[in-house]
Protein backbone atom coordinates (compact mmCIF):
# COMPACT_ATOMS: atom_id res chain seq x y z
CA MET A 1 -58.77 96.28 71.58
CA HIS A 2 -57.85 95.72 67.96
CA ILE A 3 -58.61 92.44 66.28
CA SER A 4 -54.97 91.80 65.38
CA GLU A 5 -53.98 92.37 69.03
CA TYR A 6 -56.57 89.84 70.16
CA GLN A 7 -55.43 87.31 67.59
CA ARG A 8 -51.78 87.67 68.69
CA TRP A 9 -52.81 87.42 72.36
CA LEU A 10 -54.83 84.26 71.69
CA GLU A 11 -51.99 82.55 69.84
CA GLU A 12 -49.52 83.37 72.62
CA TRP A 13 -52.03 82.26 75.27
CA ASP A 14 -52.54 78.94 73.43
CA ARG A 15 -48.78 78.46 72.96
CA GLN A 16 -48.16 78.88 76.69
CA ARG A 17 -50.54 75.98 77.29
CA GLY A 18 -49.51 73.89 74.29
CA TRP A 19 -52.99 74.24 72.82
CA HIS A 20 -51.66 75.64 69.53
CA ARG A 21 -50.82 72.01 68.64
CA VAL A 22 -54.49 71.06 68.23
CA SER A 23 -55.16 70.44 64.55
CA PRO A 24 -57.15 73.05 62.61
CA SER A 25 -59.80 70.44 61.81
CA HIS A 26 -60.40 69.84 65.51
CA THR A 27 -60.49 73.58 66.14
CA LEU A 28 -63.19 73.77 63.48
CA ILE A 29 -65.15 70.97 65.17
CA HIS A 30 -65.00 72.89 68.46
CA ALA A 31 -66.20 76.03 66.65
CA LEU A 32 -69.13 74.08 65.19
CA GLU A 33 -69.99 72.80 68.65
CA GLU A 34 -70.08 76.39 69.91
CA MET A 35 -72.17 77.39 66.88
CA GLY A 36 -74.74 74.81 67.98
CA GLU A 37 -74.86 76.42 71.41
CA VAL A 38 -75.36 79.83 69.79
CA ALA A 39 -78.13 78.43 67.58
CA ARG A 40 -79.93 76.93 70.58
CA LEU A 41 -79.87 80.26 72.40
CA VAL A 42 -81.01 82.28 69.37
CA LEU A 43 -83.97 79.91 69.00
CA HIS A 44 -84.67 80.43 72.69
CA LEU A 45 -84.67 84.22 72.21
CA GLU A 46 -87.13 83.82 69.35
CA GLY A 47 -89.54 81.95 71.60
CA TYR A 48 -88.71 78.31 70.79
CA LYS A 49 -88.51 77.46 74.48
CA GLY A 50 -89.60 79.30 77.56
CA GLY A 51 -88.52 79.32 81.14
CA GLU A 52 -85.38 81.37 81.50
CA SER A 53 -85.51 85.13 81.52
CA LEU A 54 -84.45 86.84 78.32
CA GLU A 55 -81.69 88.60 80.25
CA ALA A 56 -80.26 85.24 81.35
CA VAL A 57 -80.46 83.87 77.82
CA ARG A 58 -78.72 86.97 76.43
CA ALA A 59 -75.96 86.65 79.03
CA GLU A 60 -75.44 83.01 78.09
CA LEU A 61 -75.53 83.93 74.40
CA ALA A 62 -72.79 86.52 74.96
CA THR A 63 -70.62 83.82 76.56
CA GLU A 64 -71.27 81.32 73.76
CA LEU A 65 -70.59 83.93 71.06
CA SER A 66 -67.29 84.69 72.76
CA ASP A 67 -66.45 80.98 72.83
CA LEU A 68 -67.30 80.70 69.13
CA PHE A 69 -65.09 83.64 68.24
CA VAL A 70 -62.19 82.18 70.24
CA PHE A 71 -62.24 79.09 68.03
CA LEU A 72 -62.73 81.09 64.83
CA PHE A 73 -59.79 83.35 65.64
CA LYS A 74 -57.73 80.30 66.61
CA LEU A 75 -58.58 78.63 63.30
CA ALA A 76 -57.52 81.81 61.52
CA TYR A 77 -54.11 81.97 63.20
CA GLN A 78 -53.60 78.23 62.66
CA CYS A 79 -54.21 78.77 58.93
CA GLY A 80 -52.09 81.92 58.71
CA ILE A 81 -55.00 84.33 58.27
CA ASP A 82 -54.82 87.87 59.66
CA MET A 83 -58.44 88.38 60.69
CA GLU A 84 -58.19 92.15 60.82
CA GLU A 85 -57.15 92.19 57.17
CA ALA A 86 -59.74 89.56 56.28
CA LEU A 87 -62.50 91.61 57.92
CA LYS A 88 -61.38 94.78 56.11
CA ALA A 89 -61.54 92.87 52.82
CA GLY A 90 -64.99 91.62 53.79
CA GLN A 91 -66.15 95.18 54.43
CA ALA A 92 -64.92 96.25 51.00
CA LYS A 93 -66.66 93.29 49.37
CA ALA A 94 -69.96 94.10 51.14
CA ASP A 95 -69.73 97.76 50.18
CA GLU A 96 -69.05 96.84 46.57
CA ARG A 97 -71.89 94.33 46.43
CA TRP A 98 -74.50 96.23 48.46
CA GLY A 99 -73.40 99.86 48.22
CA ASP A 100 -76.60 100.71 46.35
CA LEU A 101 -78.96 101.12 49.32
CA ALA A 102 -82.11 100.97 47.22
CA ALA A 103 -81.05 97.64 45.71
CA ALA A 104 -80.06 96.32 49.13
CA ARG A 105 -83.44 97.26 50.60
CA ALA A 106 -85.28 95.75 47.63
CA GLU A 107 -83.37 92.49 48.12
CA LEU A 108 -84.28 92.49 51.81
CA GLU A 109 -87.96 93.00 51.00
CA ARG A 110 -87.85 90.12 48.48
CA TYR A 111 -86.19 87.90 51.08
CA LEU A 112 -88.63 88.82 53.88
CA ALA A 113 -91.61 88.25 51.58
CA ARG A 114 -90.25 84.81 50.72
CA GLN A 115 -89.80 84.01 54.41
CA ALA A 116 -93.38 85.09 55.14
CA GLY A 117 -94.65 82.99 52.23
CA ASN A 118 -92.72 79.95 53.42
CA LEU A 119 -94.08 80.34 56.95
CA ALA A 120 -97.63 80.74 55.64
CA HIS A 121 -97.20 77.59 53.56
CA LEU A 122 -95.90 75.63 56.55
CA GLN A 123 -98.89 76.80 58.57
CA GLY A 124 -101.22 75.69 55.79
CA ASP A 125 -102.37 79.23 55.03
CA SER A 126 -101.36 79.29 51.39
CA PRO A 127 -100.06 77.02 48.66
CA ALA A 128 -96.34 77.09 47.96
CA SER A 129 -95.05 77.63 44.48
CA SER A 130 -91.52 77.16 43.24
CA SER A 131 -92.05 80.23 41.09
CA ASP A 132 -92.77 82.49 44.09
CA PRO A 133 -90.26 85.31 44.57
């Protein structure tokens, strides 16, 4: 399936039900609600809560990600955005910004080191400094 095909299908599906009349701001609120569900499940996968099997959590995450994308694609059509074109432009932007693999990897290492330092600070293992990388 192509993204533009999905976006056209979704708009037609919504129109048949009258759901295209929901305001874009409310569509955004629904997307944010779904984002909260995704966040909860990602935390669960990272060990925040136990109980359910990882397979069950992943299955639920797949459903919630799909729900999130429905609302994002709906918001796009409501605002006149062709998501396939927007994603192509995003790819070009990423390639332009991070095409230098060595620089991209160096930035990742800086970021991961900062994350590790922040975690160590929160655990009381080291002092934090605003001048840290």
